[in-house]
Amino acid sequence: MEETPLKVDVEQLPSAVVLRAEGEVDSYTADELREKLAEAFGAKLPVVLDVSEVEFFASAGLSVLVEYHLLGEDRGIPLRLVSPRGSVLRALRATTLNETLELYLSLDEALRGR
């Protein structure tokens, strides 16, 4: 049995929709992330994407983040990233998206939005 390179769990809370991603985000899995974000944004609540268990984040994934960051700005729905590190943080810094996206060290901080 082949393991899925990306797993995204979704939890609806009263104050936000939390997505917990695990694995790799690349050109093969970016559409799965896009679909989960589309569903989450439908709730019209802040969207918190926990990427602490993401091992690899390619440019296709960065494009999805930009797409939903801009959509969120248009709709007044924040997209908050939790615990980017390793290759995720390197990719964000290399593209200066760490200066544009809302980054948080913990889920609690992201839920509070500070």
Protein backbone atom coordinates (compact mmCIF):
# COMPACT_ATOMS: atom_id res chain seq x y z
CA MET A 1 0.00 0.00 0.00
CA GLU A 2 1.47 3.33 -1.09
CA GLU A 3 1.46 6.18 1.41
CA THR A 4 -0.15 9.46 0.36
CA PRO A 5 2.50 12.20 0.06
CA LEU A 6 0.11 14.78 1.59
CA LYS A 7 -2.52 14.41 4.27
CA VAL A 8 -4.71 17.36 5.28
CA ASP A 9 -7.07 17.05 8.25
CA VAL A 10 -9.76 19.69 8.70
CA GLU A 11 -11.34 20.74 11.98
CA GLN A 12 -14.17 23.26 12.20
CA LEU A 13 -13.97 25.31 15.40
CA PRO A 14 -16.40 28.06 16.44
CA SER A 15 -13.77 30.73 15.75
CA ALA A 16 -11.80 29.26 12.81
CA VAL A 17 -11.26 26.38 10.43
CA VAL A 18 -8.03 24.54 11.20
CA LEU A 19 -6.19 22.53 8.55
CA ARG A 20 -3.33 20.30 9.64
CA ALA A 21 -1.08 19.35 6.73
CA GLU A 22 1.42 16.52 6.87
CA GLY A 23 3.84 15.31 4.22
CA GLU A 24 4.87 17.03 1.02
CA VAL A 25 3.33 19.85 -0.99
CA ASP A 26 4.49 19.78 -4.59
CA SER A 27 3.04 19.90 -8.10
CA TYR A 28 1.31 16.55 -7.51
CA THR A 29 -0.30 17.43 -4.17
CA ALA A 30 -0.89 21.20 -4.44
CA ASP A 31 -4.39 20.65 -5.85
CA GLU A 32 -5.34 18.66 -2.75
CA LEU A 33 -4.22 21.56 -0.57
CA ARG A 34 -6.13 23.98 -2.83
CA GLU A 35 -9.33 21.90 -2.49
CA LYS A 36 -9.08 21.80 1.30
CA LEU A 37 -8.46 25.55 1.47
CA ALA A 38 -11.42 26.21 -0.85
CA GLU A 39 -13.69 24.22 1.47
CA ALA A 40 -12.29 25.99 4.54
CA PHE A 41 -12.80 29.45 3.07
CA GLY A 42 -16.43 28.54 2.43
CA ALA A 43 -17.04 28.70 6.19
CA LYS A 44 -16.28 32.46 6.16
CA LEU A 45 -14.11 32.12 9.28
CA PRO A 46 -10.37 32.66 9.71
CA VAL A 47 -8.43 29.78 8.18
CA VAL A 48 -5.47 28.39 10.12
CA LEU A 49 -3.09 26.14 8.20
CA ASP A 50 -0.72 24.19 10.44
CA VAL A 51 2.34 23.22 8.38
CA SER A 52 4.49 22.01 11.27
CA GLU A 53 4.42 18.45 9.87
CA VAL A 54 5.13 19.41 6.26
CA GLU A 55 8.54 18.14 5.19
CA PHE A 56 8.73 19.67 1.71
CA PHE A 57 7.00 22.70 0.21
CA ALA A 58 7.54 23.39 -3.50
CA SER A 59 6.69 26.45 -5.56
CA ALA A 60 3.31 24.94 -6.50
CA GLY A 61 2.38 25.04 -2.82
CA LEU A 62 3.60 28.61 -2.48
CA SER A 63 1.32 29.58 -5.37
CA VAL A 64 -1.64 28.08 -3.51
CA LEU A 65 -0.74 30.07 -0.39
CA VAL A 66 -0.54 33.31 -2.38
CA GLU A 67 -3.83 32.53 -4.12
CA TYR A 68 -5.67 32.02 -0.83
CA HIS A 69 -3.93 34.88 0.94
CA LEU A 70 -5.20 37.21 -1.80
CA LEU A 71 -8.65 35.62 -1.76
CA GLY A 72 -8.73 36.06 1.99
CA GLU A 73 -7.80 39.73 1.70
CA ASP A 74 -10.61 40.24 -0.83
CA ARG A 75 -13.15 38.47 1.40
CA GLY A 76 -11.89 39.69 4.76
CA ILE A 77 -10.92 36.14 5.79
CA PRO A 78 -7.39 35.80 7.16
CA LEU A 79 -5.13 32.88 6.23
CA ARG A 80 -2.78 32.11 9.11
CA LEU A 81 0.18 29.72 8.90
CA VAL A 82 1.33 27.84 11.99
CA SER A 83 4.89 26.79 12.65
CA PRO A 84 6.57 26.96 9.27
CA ARG A 85 10.04 25.49 9.65
CA GLY A 86 12.65 23.64 7.68
CA SER A 87 12.01 23.62 3.95
CA VAL A 88 8.70 25.44 4.37
CA LEU A 89 10.30 28.38 6.16
CA ARG A 90 13.22 28.42 3.71
CA ALA A 91 10.79 28.58 0.78
CA LEU A 92 8.81 31.40 2.43
CA ARG A 93 11.99 33.37 3.15
CA ALA A 94 13.44 32.79 -0.33
CA THR A 95 10.33 34.32 -1.87
CA THR A 96 9.85 36.92 0.93
CA LEU A 97 6.37 35.50 1.55
CA ASN A 98 7.32 35.38 5.23
CA GLU A 99 6.87 39.18 5.12
CA THR A 100 3.42 38.95 3.48
CA LEU A 101 1.71 35.95 5.06
CA GLU A 102 0.58 35.76 8.69
CA LEU A 103 2.99 33.38 10.47
CA TYR A 104 2.51 32.06 14.01
CA LEU A 105 4.60 29.88 16.30
CA SER A 106 1.65 27.96 17.75
CA LEU A 107 -1.92 27.01 16.99
CA ASP A 108 -3.14 28.98 20.02
CA GLU A 109 -1.46 32.17 18.76
CA ALA A 110 -2.92 31.66 15.29
CA LEU A 111 -6.41 31.10 16.67
CA ARG A 112 -6.12 34.36 18.62
CA GLY A 113 -4.63 36.12 15.60
CA ARG A 114 -1.68 37.50 17.56
